[in-house]
N, C-alpha and C. Protein backbone atom coordinates (compact mmCIF):
# COMPACT_ATOMS: atom_id res chain seq x y z
N MET A 1 0.86 -1.61 0.01
CA MET A 1 0.19 0.34 -0.14
C MET A 1 0.98 1.44 0.14
N ALA A 2 2.09 1.02 0.41
CA ALA A 2 2.52 2.67 0.84
C ALA A 2 3.45 2.97 -1.15
N SER A 3 3.75 1.42 -1.21
CA SER A 3 4.43 2.28 -2.83
C SER A 3 3.24 2.62 -3.74
N TYR A 4 1.94 2.45 -3.27
CA TYR A 4 0.73 2.56 -3.98
C TYR A 4 0.47 4.38 -4.14
N CYS A 5 0.87 4.63 -2.44
CA CYS A 5 1.05 5.88 -2.26
C CYS A 5 1.87 6.79 -2.48
N GLN A 6 3.24 6.23 -3.00
CA GLN A 6 3.75 6.85 -2.90
C GLN A 6 4.07 7.30 -4.64
N GLY A 7 3.74 6.40 -5.80
CA GLY A 7 3.01 6.16 -6.79
C GLY A 7 2.42 7.15 -7.00
N ILE A 8 1.19 7.24 -6.40
CA ILE A 8 0.49 8.92 -6.71
C ILE A 8 1.11 9.57 -6.45
N GLU A 9 1.60 10.18 -5.33
CA GLU A 9 2.16 11.10 -4.76
C GLU A 9 3.43 11.59 -6.10
N ASN A 10 4.01 10.83 -6.53
CA ASN A 10 4.95 10.93 -7.62
C ASN A 10 3.90 11.27 -8.17
N MET A 11 3.74 10.67 -9.26
CA MET A 11 2.60 11.30 -10.72
C MET A 11 1.55 12.67 -10.55
N ALA A 12 1.13 13.04 -8.81
CA ALA A 12 1.03 14.08 -8.85
C ALA A 12 1.83 15.52 -8.85
N LEU A 13 2.73 15.14 -8.34
CA LEU A 13 4.03 16.12 -8.15
C LEU A 13 4.40 16.23 -9.56
N HIS A 14 4.84 15.43 -10.30
CA HIS A 14 5.10 15.38 -11.74
C HIS A 14 4.25 16.37 -12.51
N SER A 15 3.26 16.18 -12.42
CA SER A 15 1.71 16.66 -13.13
C SER A 15 1.78 18.13 -13.07
N GLU A 16 1.61 18.72 -11.82
CA GLU A 16 1.59 19.76 -10.65
C GLU A 16 3.06 20.39 -11.60
N ALA A 17 4.06 19.84 -11.63
CA ALA A 17 5.42 20.65 -11.77
C ALA A 17 5.50 21.21 -13.74
N ARG A 18 4.64 20.07 -14.03
CA ARG A 18 4.66 20.42 -16.14
C ARG A 18 3.83 21.12 -16.17
N HIS A 19 2.60 20.80 -15.34
CA HIS A 19 1.45 22.13 -15.75
C HIS A 19 1.67 23.86 -15.40
N HIS A 20 2.90 23.60 -14.44
CA HIS A 20 3.29 25.06 -14.37
C HIS A 20 4.73 25.32 -14.78
N GLY A 21 5.20 24.61 -16.09
CA GLY A 21 6.21 24.79 -16.42
C GLY A 21 7.41 24.60 -15.73
N ARG A 22 8.19 24.26 -14.35
CA ARG A 22 9.00 23.75 -13.49
C ARG A 22 9.74 22.54 -13.38
N PRO A 23 10.97 22.18 -13.19
CA PRO A 23 11.62 20.74 -13.34
C PRO A 23 10.59 20.00 -12.25
N VAL A 24 10.57 19.26 -12.54
CA VAL A 24 10.23 17.58 -11.95
C VAL A 24 10.71 17.21 -11.09
N PRO A 25 10.19 16.60 -9.90
CA PRO A 25 10.72 16.37 -8.82
C PRO A 25 11.34 14.38 -9.37
N SER A 26 12.51 14.72 -8.04
CA SER A 26 12.65 13.42 -8.41
C SER A 26 11.58 11.92 -7.98
N ALA A 27 11.88 10.45 -8.47
CA ALA A 27 11.02 9.81 -7.81
C ALA A 27 11.47 9.30 -6.67
N SER A 28 12.81 9.23 -6.63
CA SER A 28 13.53 8.32 -5.42
C SER A 28 13.31 9.88 -4.22
N ILE A 29 13.74 9.26 -2.93
CA ILE A 29 13.38 10.05 -1.84
C ILE A 29 14.53 9.09 -1.10
N ILE A 30 15.22 10.38 -0.78
CA ILE A 30 16.45 10.08 0.48
C ILE A 30 16.55 10.87 1.94
N GLU A 31 16.63 10.02 3.10
CA GLU A 31 17.17 10.60 4.15
C GLU A 31 18.14 11.66 4.87
N LEU A 32 17.69 13.54 4.65
CA LEU A 32 18.95 14.07 5.28
C LEU A 32 18.81 14.67 6.32
N LEU A 33 19.48 15.24 7.05
CA LEU A 33 19.29 15.64 8.16
C LEU A 33 18.40 17.40 8.37
N PRO A 34 17.78 17.81 8.88
CA PRO A 34 17.73 19.38 8.93
C PRO A 34 18.50 20.20 8.83
N LEU A 35 18.24 21.52 8.28
CA LEU A 35 18.82 22.75 7.51
C LEU A 35 19.73 22.80 9.17
N ARG A 36 19.30 23.40 10.28
CA ARG A 36 19.91 24.02 11.17
C ARG A 36 20.65 22.63 12.09
N SER A 37 21.10 21.32 11.61
CA SER A 37 21.51 20.44 13.11
C SER A 37 23.26 20.60 12.81
N GLU A 38 24.01 20.08 13.41
CA GLU A 38 25.63 20.15 13.67
C GLU A 38 25.46 19.19 12.40
N PRO A 39 25.35 18.14 12.48
CA PRO A 39 25.85 17.27 11.10
C PRO A 39 25.70 17.97 10.12
N ALA A 40 24.31 18.64 9.81
CA ALA A 40 24.17 18.95 8.00
C ALA A 40 24.74 19.30 7.98
N LYS A 41 25.80 20.79 8.70
CA LYS A 41 26.30 21.79 8.58
C LYS A 41 27.44 21.31 8.57
N THR A 42 27.97 20.55 9.11
CA THR A 42 29.71 19.90 8.49
C THR A 42 29.03 19.01 7.43
N LEU A 43 28.61 18.22 6.62
CA LEU A 43 27.76 17.45 5.71
C LEU A 43 27.72 18.44 4.46
N GLY A 44 27.30 19.84 4.71
CA GLY A 44 26.43 20.48 3.70
C GLY A 44 25.47 20.33 3.27
N TYR A 45 25.19 19.48 3.18
CA TYR A 45 23.22 18.85 2.86
C TYR A 45 22.45 19.20 3.88
N ALA A 46 21.19 19.72 3.63
CA ALA A 46 20.30 19.65 3.99
C ALA A 46 18.65 19.37 3.18
N CYS A 47 17.81 18.84 3.94
CA CYS A 47 16.22 18.73 3.83
C CYS A 47 15.74 20.27 4.43
N ILE A 48 15.42 20.75 3.22
CA ILE A 48 14.52 22.29 3.73
C ILE A 48 13.38 21.35 2.77
N GLY A 49 12.45 21.81 3.78
CA GLY A 49 10.89 21.37 3.15
C GLY A 49 10.52 19.89 2.14
N GLY A 50 11.33 18.96 2.36
CA GLY A 50 11.27 18.33 1.24
C GLY A 50 12.51 18.09 0.04
N GLN A 51 13.03 19.14 -0.04
CA GLN A 51 13.56 19.65 -1.32
C GLN A 51 14.93 19.19 -0.47
N ALA A 52 16.41 18.31 -1.40
CA ALA A 52 17.75 18.80 -0.88
C ALA A 52 18.18 19.72 -1.24
N PHE A 53 19.11 20.47 -0.46
CA PHE A 53 20.21 21.26 -1.00
C PHE A 53 20.82 21.34 -0.06
N LYS A 54 22.52 21.63 -0.95
CA LYS A 54 23.57 21.69 -0.73
C LYS A 54 24.15 23.27 -0.41
N ARG A 55 24.87 22.97 0.74
CA ARG A 55 25.69 24.43 0.99
C ARG A 55 26.78 24.82 0.04
N LEU A 56 26.30 26.47 -0.33
CA LEU A 56 27.33 26.97 -1.01
C LEU A 56 28.31 28.05 -0.35
N ASP A 57 29.03 28.55 -0.23
CA ASP A 57 29.72 30.14 -0.06
C ASP A 57 28.99 31.41 0.31
N ASN A 58 27.82 31.00 -0.61
CA ASN A 58 27.18 32.44 -0.79
C ASN A 58 25.66 32.26 -0.50
N GLY A 59 25.00 30.66 -0.34
CA GLY A 59 23.79 30.82 -0.38
C GLY A 59 23.27 28.77 -0.06
N ARG A 60 22.50 28.44 -0.86
CA ARG A 60 21.97 27.07 -1.10
C ARG A 60 21.77 26.84 -2.89
N GLU A 61 21.88 25.82 -2.95
CA GLU A 61 21.45 25.19 -3.95
C GLU A 61 20.73 23.66 -4.07
N GLN A 62 20.01 23.82 -5.02
CA GLN A 62 19.24 22.90 -4.88
C GLN A 62 19.98 21.51 -5.69
N VAL A 63 19.54 20.38 -4.92
CA VAL A 63 20.72 19.21 -5.65
C VAL A 63 19.80 18.22 -6.27
N SER A 64 20.56 18.48 -7.12
CA SER A 64 19.90 17.47 -8.84
C SER A 64 20.14 15.47 -8.52
N ALA A 65 18.72 15.39 -8.61
CA ALA A 65 18.75 13.51 -8.47
C ALA A 65 19.09 13.04 -9.43
N ALA A 66 19.93 11.56 -9.40
CA ALA A 66 20.99 11.29 -10.36
C ALA A 66 19.82 10.82 -11.38
N ALA A 67 18.80 10.53 -11.68
CA ALA A 67 18.26 9.89 -12.29
C ALA A 67 16.82 11.29 -13.52
N GLY A 68 17.68 12.07 -12.53
CA GLY A 68 16.92 13.13 -13.24
C GLY A 68 15.85 14.10 -12.30
N GLY A 69 16.02 15.07 -12.62
CA GLY A 69 14.46 15.93 -11.59
C GLY A 69 15.26 16.64 -10.45
N TRP A 70 14.57 17.34 -9.23
CA TRP A 70 15.24 17.58 -8.22
C TRP A 70 15.03 16.54 -7.20
N GLN A 71 15.83 16.40 -6.21
CA GLN A 71 16.12 15.44 -5.27
C GLN A 71 15.34 15.90 -4.17
N ARG A 72 14.07 14.91 -3.90
CA ARG A 72 13.66 14.81 -2.51
C ARG A 72 13.91 14.24 -1.29
N CYS A 73 13.54 14.52 -0.55
CA CYS A 73 14.14 14.32 0.68
C CYS A 73 13.08 14.33 1.97
N ARG A 74 13.57 13.37 2.99
CA ARG A 74 12.57 13.72 4.63
C ARG A 74 13.87 14.34 5.15
N GLY A 75 13.32 14.43 6.56
CA GLY A 75 14.43 14.26 7.44
C GLY A 75 13.73 16.35 7.91
N GLY A 76 13.46 17.29 7.22
CA GLY A 76 14.22 18.35 6.89
C GLY A 76 12.62 18.94 7.70
């Protein structure tokens, strides 16, 4: 049942992104630490609102998934 619900969520997110002309999200979801946690600061990657971000010198950059689209995550 969980995989079925995940499939429905993936289709809904892809459809909405395409409808609005935005990049599509990844089908994969990874575990990342929340933004302000010490391990996330050390690692340089954090989960913010379900999206993976990499720390840069002047801000943050959204992470692309290996299979395409922006990387979705849990933990933030």
